[in-house]
Amino acid sequence: MPEKKQMRIAFGIVSLFPGGGLQRDCLEIAKLVRDSGHEVTIYACRLHDHSSADEIPVFVLQNDAKQKHPIHLPFANTFHKNTNNRTSR
């Protein structure tokens, strides 16, 4: 059987805090992917508590927008810039 290659996977979520459904799902999927042998990183622009990230690296991307909707496009652009070269080691 061919050997599986380890992938480097980045998750992007605007706000990471305990108790949110989307946040819980993001963390659970990230843990499953990590436990399958892949390298996982989470990026967020708001971080309230990452203790539930269970040793998955979490990076905060600067975003000065104060309202909900204007946050998404700058976050997406910054996320893309920060993860664009992750394929090279």
PDB file of N, CA and C in Angstrom:
ATOM      1  N   MET A   1       0.856  -1.181   0.000  1.00  0.00           N
ATOM      2  CA  MET A   1       0.000   0.000   0.000  1.00  0.00           C
ATOM      3  C   MET A   1       0.898   1.238   0.000  1.00  0.00           C
ATOM      4  N   PRO A   2       0.595   2.223  -0.858  1.00  0.00           N
ATOM      5  CA  PRO A   2       1.421   3.434  -0.901  1.00  0.00           C
ATOM      6  C   PRO A   2       1.337   4.225   0.405  1.00  0.00           C
ATOM      7  N   GLU A   3       2.447   4.857   0.732  1.00  0.00           N
ATOM      8  CA  GLU A   3       2.506   5.658   1.957  1.00  0.00           C
ATOM      9  C   GLU A   3       1.698   6.940   1.776  1.00  0.00           C
ATOM     10  N   LYS A   4       0.921   7.295   2.800  1.00  0.00           N
ATOM     11  CA  LYS A   4       0.135   8.533   2.751  1.00  0.00           C
ATOM     12  C   LYS A   4       1.062   9.713   2.986  1.00  0.00           C
ATOM     13  N   LYS A   5       0.845  10.775   2.226  1.00  0.00           N
ATOM     14  CA  LYS A   5       1.628  11.990   2.413  1.00  0.00           C
ATOM     15  C   LYS A   5       0.924  12.883   3.421  1.00  0.00           C
ATOM     16  N   GLN A   6       1.723  13.518   4.260  1.00  0.00           N
ATOM     17  CA  GLN A   6       1.180  14.461   5.226  1.00  0.00           C
ATOM     18  C   GLN A   6       0.831  15.757   4.500  1.00  0.00           C
ATOM     19  N   MET A   7      -0.368  16.257   4.761  1.00  0.00           N
ATOM     20  CA  MET A   7      -0.789  17.530   4.188  1.00  0.00           C
ATOM     21  C   MET A   7      -0.658  18.627   5.241  1.00  0.00           C
ATOM     22  N   ARG A   8      -0.494  19.844   4.772  1.00  0.00           N
ATOM     23  CA  ARG A   8      -0.483  21.023   5.646  1.00  0.00           C
ATOM     24  C   ARG A   8      -1.803  21.740   5.406  1.00  0.00           C
ATOM     25  N   ILE A   9      -2.670  21.750   6.401  1.00  0.00           N
ATOM     26  CA  ILE A   9      -4.028  22.255   6.244  1.00  0.00           C
ATOM     27  C   ILE A   9      -4.246  23.449   7.160  1.00  0.00           C
ATOM     28  N   ALA A  10      -4.775  24.534   6.578  1.00  0.00           N
ATOM     29  CA  ALA A  10      -5.077  25.747   7.337  1.00  0.00           C
ATOM     30  C   ALA A  10      -6.591  25.930   7.395  1.00  0.00           C
ATOM     31  N   PHE A  11      -7.098  26.179   8.585  1.00  0.00           N
ATOM     32  CA  PHE A  11      -8.502  26.504   8.780  1.00  0.00           C
ATOM     33  C   PHE A  11      -8.597  27.998   9.066  1.00  0.00           C
ATOM     34  N   GLY A  12      -9.557  28.655   8.440  1.00  0.00           N
ATOM     35  CA  GLY A  12      -9.778  30.072   8.695  1.00  0.00           C
ATOM     36  C   GLY A  12     -11.160  30.288   9.276  1.00  0.00           C
ATOM     37  N   ILE A  13     -11.217  30.986  10.398  1.00  0.00           N
ATOM     38  CA  ILE A  13     -12.488  31.297  11.044  1.00  0.00           C
ATOM     39  C   ILE A  13     -12.365  32.711  11.611  1.00  0.00           C
ATOM     40  N   VAL A  14     -13.383  33.531  11.388  1.00  0.00           N
ATOM     41  CA  VAL A  14     -13.296  34.929  11.801  1.00  0.00           C
ATOM     42  C   VAL A  14     -13.136  35.040  13.309  1.00  0.00           C
ATOM     43  N   SER A  15     -13.998  34.386  14.076  1.00  0.00           N
ATOM     44  CA  SER A  15     -13.936  34.450  15.545  1.00  0.00           C
ATOM     45  C   SER A  15     -13.809  33.056  16.125  1.00  0.00           C
ATOM     46  N   LEU A  16     -12.857  32.890  17.010  1.00  0.00           N
ATOM     47  CA  LEU A  16     -12.682  31.613  17.686  1.00  0.00           C
ATOM     48  C   LEU A  16     -12.923  31.834  19.173  1.00  0.00           C
ATOM     49  N   PHE A  17     -13.999  31.248  19.673  1.00  0.00           N
ATOM     50  CA  PHE A  17     -14.346  31.368  21.082  1.00  0.00           C
ATOM     51  C   PHE A  17     -15.053  30.092  21.503  1.00  0.00           C
ATOM     52  N   PRO A  18     -15.005  29.756  22.775  1.00  0.00           N
ATOM     53  CA  PRO A  18     -15.657  28.531  23.226  1.00  0.00           C
ATOM     54  C   PRO A  18     -17.174  28.688  23.191  1.00  0.00           C
ATOM     55  N   GLY A  19     -17.850  27.639  22.824  1.00  0.00           N
ATOM     56  CA  GLY A  19     -19.301  27.628  22.909  1.00  0.00           C
ATOM     57  C   GLY A  19     -20.029  27.866  21.614  1.00  0.00           C
ATOM     58  N   GLY A  20     -19.389  28.438  20.599  1.00  0.00           N
ATOM     59  CA  GLY A  20     -20.072  28.664  19.331  1.00  0.00           C
ATOM     60  C   GLY A  20     -20.135  27.386  18.513  1.00  0.00           C
ATOM     61  N   GLY A  21     -21.236  27.166  17.824  1.00  0.00           N
ATOM     62  CA  GLY A  21     -21.390  25.949  17.027  1.00  0.00           C
ATOM     63  C   GLY A  21     -20.386  25.855  15.895  1.00  0.00           C
ATOM     64  N   LEU A  22     -20.215  26.939  15.142  1.00  0.00           N
ATOM     65  CA  LEU A  22     -19.254  26.956  14.053  1.00  0.00           C
ATOM     66  C   LEU A  22     -17.837  26.763  14.584  1.00  0.00           C
ATOM     67  N   GLN A  23     -17.541  27.391  15.719  1.00  0.00           N
ATOM     68  CA  GLN A  23     -16.223  27.283  16.339  1.00  0.00           C
ATOM     69  C   GLN A  23     -15.974  25.851  16.816  1.00  0.00           C
ATOM     70  N   ARG A  24     -16.980  25.259  17.441  1.00  0.00           N
ATOM     71  CA  ARG A  24     -16.854  23.875  17.913  1.00  0.00           C
ATOM     72  C   ARG A  24     -16.602  22.937  16.744  1.00  0.00           C
ATOM     73  N   ASP A  25     -17.355  23.125  15.639  1.00  0.00           N
ATOM     74  CA  ASP A  25     -17.175  22.274  14.467  1.00  0.00           C
ATOM     75  C   ASP A  25     -15.786  22.452  13.860  1.00  0.00           C
ATOM     76  N   CYS A  26     -15.313  23.695  13.770  1.00  0.00           N
ATOM     77  CA  CYS A  26     -13.982  23.962  13.233  1.00  0.00           C
ATOM     78  C   CYS A  26     -12.914  23.240  14.050  1.00  0.00           C
ATOM     79  N   LEU A  27     -13.004  23.361  15.373  1.00  0.00           N
ATOM     80  CA  LEU A  27     -12.021  22.715  16.246  1.00  0.00           C
ATOM     81  C   LEU A  27     -12.084  21.198  16.145  1.00  0.00           C
ATOM     82  N   GLU A  28     -13.285  20.644  16.091  1.00  0.00           N
ATOM     83  CA  GLU A  28     -13.415  19.187  16.012  1.00  0.00           C
ATOM     84  C   GLU A  28     -12.867  18.647  14.692  1.00  0.00           C
ATOM     85  N   ILE A  29     -13.173  19.323  13.595  1.00  0.00           N
ATOM     86  CA  ILE A  29     -12.644  18.892  12.295  1.00  0.00           C
ATOM     87  C   ILE A  29     -11.125  19.033  12.271  1.00  0.00           C
ATOM     88  N   ALA A  30     -10.618  20.138  12.802  1.00  0.00           N
ATOM     89  CA  ALA A  30      -9.162  20.337  12.853  1.00  0.00           C
ATOM     90  C   ALA A  30      -8.486  19.228  13.661  1.00  0.00           C
ATOM     91  N   LYS A  31      -9.083  18.838  14.784  1.00  0.00           N
ATOM     92  CA  LYS A  31      -8.512  17.757  15.601  1.00  0.00           C
ATOM     93  C   LYS A  31      -8.543  16.426  14.863  1.00  0.00           C
ATOM     94  N   LEU A  32      -9.644  16.136  14.165  1.00  0.00           N
ATOM     95  CA  LEU A  32      -9.736  14.892  13.393  1.00  0.00           C
ATOM     96  C   LEU A  32      -8.673  14.843  12.298  1.00  0.00           C
ATOM     97  N   VAL A  33      -8.485  15.956  11.613  1.00  0.00           N
ATOM     98  CA  VAL A  33      -7.482  16.024  10.550  1.00  0.00           C
ATOM     99  C   VAL A  33      -6.086  15.855  11.144  1.00  0.00           C
ATOM    100  N   ARG A  34      -5.822  16.542  12.257  1.00  0.00           N
ATOM    101  CA  ARG A  34      -4.525  16.417  12.921  1.00  0.00           C
ATOM    102  C   ARG A  34      -4.284  14.977  13.386  1.00  0.00           C
ATOM    103  N   ASP A  35      -5.308  14.362  13.965  1.00  0.00           N
ATOM    104  CA  ASP A  35      -5.163  12.995  14.457  1.00  0.00           C
ATOM    105  C   ASP A  35      -4.994  11.981  13.320  1.00  0.00           C
ATOM    106  N   SER A  36      -5.319  12.406  12.095  1.00  0.00           N
ATOM    107  CA  SER A  36      -5.101  11.550  10.926  1.00  0.00           C
ATOM    108  C   SER A  36      -3.672  11.681  10.402  1.00  0.00           C
ATOM    109  N   GLY A  37      -2.864  12.530  11.077  1.00  0.00           N
ATOM    110  CA  GLY A  37      -1.454  12.634  10.723  1.00  0.00           C
ATOM    111  C   GLY A  37      -1.070  13.850   9.910  1.00  0.00           C
ATOM    112  N   HIS A  38      -1.963  14.816   9.803  1.00  0.00           N
ATOM    113  CA  HIS A  38      -1.669  16.005   9.010  1.00  0.00           C
ATOM    114  C   HIS A  38      -1.307  17.180   9.911  1.00  0.00           C
ATOM    115  N   GLU A  39      -0.603  18.153   9.341  1.00  0.00           N
ATOM    116  CA  GLU A  39      -0.223  19.356  10.072  1.00  0.00           C
ATOM    117  C   GLU A  39      -1.355  20.375   9.927  1.00  0.00           C
ATOM    118  N   VAL A  40      -1.887  20.850  11.060  1.00  0.00           N
ATOM    119  CA  VAL A  40      -3.050  21.732  11.051  1.00  0.00           C
ATOM    120  C   VAL A  40      -2.720  23.044  11.753  1.00  0.00           C
ATOM    121  N   THR A  41      -3.192  24.145  11.172  1.00  0.00           N
ATOM    122  CA  THR A  41      -3.082  25.469  11.762  1.00  0.00           C
ATOM    123  C   THR A  41      -4.430  26.155  11.627  1.00  0.00           C
ATOM    124  N   ILE A  42      -4.817  26.912  12.650  1.00  0.00           N
ATOM    125  CA  ILE A  42      -6.063  27.680  12.609  1.00  0.00           C
ATOM    126  C   ILE A  42      -5.706  29.159  12.598  1.00  0.00           C
ATOM    127  N   TYR A  43      -6.378  29.915  11.721  1.00  0.00           N
ATOM    128  CA  TYR A  43      -6.222  31.361  11.643  1.00  0.00           C
ATOM    129  C   TYR A  43      -7.555  32.013  11.997  1.00  0.00           C
ATOM    130  N   ALA A  44      -7.505  33.068  12.811  1.00  0.00           N
ATOM    131  CA  ALA A  44      -8.705  33.806  13.201  1.00  0.00           C
ATOM    132  C   ALA A  44      -8.355  35.282  13.309  1.00  0.00           C
ATOM    133  N   CYS A  45      -9.362  36.149  13.236  1.00  0.00           N
ATOM    134  CA  CYS A  45      -9.060  37.562  13.457  1.00  0.00           C
ATOM    135  C   CYS A  45      -9.544  38.002  14.835  1.00  0.00           C
ATOM    136  N   ARG A  46     -10.357  37.173  15.476  1.00  0.00           N
ATOM    137  CA  ARG A  46     -10.749  37.428  16.869  1.00  0.00           C
ATOM    138  C   ARG A  46     -10.567  36.134  17.651  1.00  0.00           C
ATOM    139  N   LEU A  47      -9.857  36.226  18.751  1.00  0.00           N
ATOM    140  CA  LEU A  47      -9.579  35.046  19.568  1.00  0.00           C
ATOM    141  C   LEU A  47      -9.937  35.363  21.003  1.00  0.00           C
ATOM    142  N   HIS A  48     -10.910  34.643  21.524  1.00  0.00           N
ATOM    143  CA  HIS A  48     -11.347  34.889  22.892  1.00  0.00           C
ATOM    144  C   HIS A  48     -10.749  33.869  23.859  1.00  0.00           C
ATOM    145  N   ASP A  49     -10.587  32.643  23.398  1.00  0.00           N
ATOM    146  CA  ASP A  49      -9.999  31.584  24.222  1.00  0.00           C
ATOM    147  C   ASP A  49      -9.680  30.423  23.296  1.00  0.00           C
ATOM    148  N   HIS A  50      -8.429  30.066  23.226  1.00  0.00           N
ATOM    149  CA  HIS A  50      -8.076  28.951  22.345  1.00  0.00           C
ATOM    150  C   HIS A  50      -7.639  27.718  23.135  1.00  0.00           C
ATOM    151  N   SER A  51      -7.994  27.659  24.400  1.00  0.00           N
ATOM    152  CA  SER A  51      -7.591  26.514  25.217  1.00  0.00           C
ATOM    153  C   SER A  51      -8.189  25.209  24.696  1.00  0.00           C
ATOM    154  N   SER A  52      -9.321  25.294  24.010  1.00  0.00           N
ATOM    155  CA  SER A  52      -9.941  24.080  23.474  1.00  0.00           C
ATOM    156  C   SER A  52      -9.308  23.656  22.147  1.00  0.00           C
ATOM    157  N   ALA A  53      -8.317  24.407  21.670  1.00  0.00           N
ATOM    158  CA  ALA A  53      -7.653  24.056  20.415  1.00  0.00           C
ATOM    159  C   ALA A  53      -6.754  22.829  20.580  1.00  0.00           C
ATOM    160  N   ASP A  54      -6.495  22.416  21.810  1.00  0.00           N
ATOM    161  CA  ASP A  54      -5.799  21.153  22.057  1.00  0.00           C
ATOM    162  C   ASP A  54      -4.475  21.047  21.304  1.00  0.00           C
ATOM    163  N   GLU A  55      -3.612  22.030  21.523  1.00  0.00           N
ATOM    164  CA  GLU A  55      -2.266  22.071  20.968  1.00  0.00           C
ATOM    165  C   GLU A  55      -2.204  22.289  19.461  1.00  0.00           C
ATOM    166  N   ILE A  56      -3.307  22.706  18.846  1.00  0.00           N
ATOM    167  CA  ILE A  56      -3.280  23.098  17.442  1.00  0.00           C
ATOM    168  C   ILE A  56      -2.870  24.574  17.408  1.00  0.00           C
ATOM    169  N   PRO A  57      -1.863  24.931  16.619  1.00  0.00           N
ATOM    170  CA  PRO A  57      -1.449  26.335  16.576  1.00  0.00           C
ATOM    171  C   PRO A  57      -2.581  27.239  16.077  1.00  0.00           C
ATOM    172  N   VAL A  58      -2.765  28.354  16.763  1.00  0.00           N
ATOM    173  CA  VAL A  58      -3.775  29.340  16.382  1.00  0.00           C
ATOM    174  C   VAL A  58      -3.069  30.677  16.190  1.00  0.00           C
ATOM    175  N   PHE A  59      -3.240  31.276  15.017  1.00  0.00           N
ATOM    176  CA  PHE A  59      -2.642  32.573  14.714  1.00  0.00           C
ATOM    177  C   PHE A  59      -3.743  33.606  14.547  1.00  0.00           C
ATOM    178  N   VAL A  60      -3.521  34.781  15.117  1.00  0.00           N
ATOM    179  CA  VAL A  60      -4.482  35.868  14.998  1.00  0.00           C
ATOM    180  C   VAL A  60      -4.021  36.790  13.883  1.00  0.00           C
ATOM    181  N   LEU A  61      -4.909  37.029  12.916  1.00  0.00           N
ATOM    182  CA  LEU A  61      -4.631  37.920  11.805  1.00  0.00           C
ATOM    183  C   LEU A  61      -5.224  39.281  12.119  1.00  0.00           C
ATOM    184  N   GLN A  62      -4.434  40.320  11.977  1.00  0.00           N
ATOM    185  CA  GLN A  62      -4.878  41.675  12.298  1.00  0.00           C
ATOM    186  C   GLN A  62      -6.043  42.083  11.404  1.00  0.00           C
ATOM    187  N   ASN A  63      -7.089  42.618  12.013  1.00  0.00           N
ATOM    188  CA  ASN A  63      -8.249  43.126  11.274  1.00  0.00           C
ATOM    189  C   ASN A  63      -8.861  44.224  12.123  1.00  0.00           C
ATOM    190  N   ASP A  64      -8.879  45.447  11.604  1.00  0.00           N
ATOM    191  CA  ASP A  64      -9.359  46.591  12.373  1.00  0.00           C
ATOM    192  C   ASP A  64     -10.838  46.892  12.172  1.00  0.00           C
ATOM    193  N   ALA A  65     -11.537  46.118  11.371  1.00  0.00           N
ATOM    194  CA  ALA A  65     -12.967  46.366  11.145  1.00  0.00           C
ATOM    195  C   ALA A  65     -13.742  46.151  12.442  1.00  0.00           C
ATOM    196  N   LYS A  66     -14.708  47.004  12.685  1.00  0.00           N
ATOM    197  CA  LYS A  66     -15.482  46.936  13.931  1.00  0.00           C
ATOM    198  C   LYS A  66     -16.845  46.279  13.741  1.00  0.00           C
ATOM    199  N   GLN A  67     -17.352  46.261  12.512  1.00  0.00           N
ATOM    200  CA  GLN A  67     -18.660  45.677  12.264  1.00  0.00           C
ATOM    201  C   GLN A  67     -18.506  44.292  11.666  1.00  0.00           C
ATOM    202  N   LYS A  68     -19.554  43.490  11.782  1.00  0.00           N
ATOM    203  CA  LYS A  68     -19.484  42.092  11.393  1.00  0.00           C
ATOM    204  C   LYS A  68     -19.156  41.884   9.910  1.00  0.00           C
ATOM    205  N   HIS A  69     -19.937  42.451   9.015  1.00  0.00           N
ATOM    206  CA  HIS A  69     -19.755  42.152   7.594  1.00  0.00           C
ATOM    207  C   HIS A  69     -18.468  42.718   6.996  1.00  0.00           C
ATOM    208  N   PRO A  70     -18.038  43.931   7.349  1.00  0.00           N
ATOM    209  CA  PRO A  70     -16.771  44.427   6.784  1.00  0.00           C
ATOM    210  C   PRO A  70     -15.544  43.618   7.220  1.00  0.00           C
ATOM    211  N   ILE A  71     -15.687  42.752   8.189  1.00  0.00           N
ATOM    212  CA  ILE A  71     -14.563  41.944   8.664  1.00  0.00           C
ATOM    213  C   ILE A  71     -14.214  40.840   7.660  1.00  0.00           C
ATOM    214  N   HIS A  72     -15.193  40.284   6.985  1.00  0.00           N
ATOM    215  CA  HIS A  72     -15.005  39.059   6.225  1.00  0.00           C
ATOM    216  C   HIS A  72     -14.044  39.188   5.042  1.00  0.00           C
ATOM    217  N   LEU A  73     -14.190  40.205   4.218  1.00  0.00           N
ATOM    218  CA  LEU A  73     -13.307  40.338   3.057  1.00  0.00           C
ATOM    219  C   LEU A  73     -11.859  40.608   3.464  1.00  0.00           C
ATOM    220  N   PRO A  74     -11.597  41.561   4.375  1.00  0.00           N
ATOM    221  CA  PRO A  74     -10.200  41.739   4.792  1.00  0.00           C
ATOM    222  C   PRO A  74      -9.616  40.472   5.429  1.00  0.00           C
ATOM    223  N   PHE A  75     -10.440  39.750   6.208  1.00  0.00           N
ATOM    224  CA  PHE A  75      -9.959  38.496   6.806  1.00  0.00           C
ATOM    225  C   PHE A  75      -9.616  37.488   5.711  1.00  0.00           C
ATOM    226  N   ALA A  76     -10.488  37.352   4.725  1.00  0.00           N
ATOM    227  CA  ALA A  76     -10.231  36.405   3.634  1.00  0.00           C
ATOM    228  C   ALA A  76      -8.946  36.763   2.894  1.00  0.00           C
ATOM    229  N   ASN A  77      -8.740  38.047   2.624  1.00  0.00           N
ATOM    230  CA  ASN A  77      -7.522  38.474   1.925  1.00  0.00           C
ATOM    231  C   ASN A  77      -6.266  38.211   2.759  1.00  0.00           C
ATOM    232  N   THR A  78      -6.326  38.521   4.051  1.00  0.00           N
ATOM    233  CA  THR A  78      -5.181  38.289   4.934  1.00  0.00           C
ATOM    234  C   THR A  78      -4.922  36.795   5.111  1.00  0.00           C
ATOM    235  N   PHE A  79      -5.981  36.016   5.234  1.00  0.00           N
ATOM    236  CA  PHE A  79      -5.859  34.553   5.338  1.00  0.00           C
ATOM    237  C   PHE A  79      -5.157  34.009   4.091  1.00  0.00           C
ATOM    238  N   HIS A  80      -5.568  34.467   2.928  1.00  0.00           N
ATOM    239  CA  HIS A  80      -4.954  34.015   1.681  1.00  0.00           C
ATOM    240  C   HIS A  80      -3.471  34.365   1.643  1.00  0.00           C
ATOM    241  N   LYS A  81      -3.125  35.599   2.018  1.00  0.00           N
ATOM    242  CA  LYS A  81      -1.716  36.010   2.032  1.00  0.00           C
ATOM    243  C   LYS A  81      -0.883  35.152   2.976  1.00  0.00           C
ATOM    244  N   ASN A  82      -1.454  34.796   4.131  1.00  0.00           N
ATOM    245  CA  ASN A  82      -0.705  34.049   5.143  1.00  0.00           C
ATOM    246  C   ASN A  82      -0.615  32.564   4.835  1.00  0.00           C
ATOM    247  N   THR A  83      -1.480  32.059   3.992  1.00  0.00           N
ATOM    248  CA  THR A  83      -1.463  30.624   3.720  1.00  0.00           C
ATOM    249  C   THR A  83      -1.041  30.303   2.294  1.00  0.00           C
ATOM    250  N   ASN A  84      -0.836  31.271   1.467  1.00  0.00           N
ATOM    251  CA  ASN A  84      -0.532  31.058   0.055  1.00  0.00           C
ATOM    252  C   ASN A  84       0.727  30.241  -0.153  1.00  0.00           C
ATOM    253  N   ASN A  85       1.734  30.391   0.671  1.00  0.00           N
ATOM    254  CA  ASN A  85       3.006  29.678   0.479  1.00  0.00           C
ATOM    255  C   ASN A  85       3.195  28.530   1.453  1.00  0.00           C
ATOM    256  N   ARG A  86       2.129  28.038   2.034  1.00  0.00           N
ATOM    257  CA  ARG A  86       2.251  26.953   3.010  1.00  0.00           C
ATOM    258  C   ARG A  86       2.637  25.617   2.372  1.00  0.00           C
ATOM    259  N   THR A  87       2.573  25.496   1.052  1.00  0.00           N
ATOM    260  CA  THR A  87       2.915  24.217   0.435  1.00  0.00           C
ATOM    261  C   THR A  87       4.412  23.955   0.461  1.00  0.00           C
ATOM    262  N   SER A  88       5.205  25.010   0.545  1.00  0.00           N
ATOM    263  CA  SER A  88       6.658  24.812   0.593  1.00  0.00           C
ATOM    264  C   SER A  88       7.099  24.648   2.039  1.00  0.00           C
ATOM    265  N   ARG A  89       8.056  23.795   2.249  1.00  0.00           N
ATOM    266  CA  ARG A  89       8.528  23.530   3.616  1.00  0.00           C
ATOM    267  C   ARG A  89       9.859  24.147   3.836  1.00  0.00           C
TER     268      ARG A  89
END
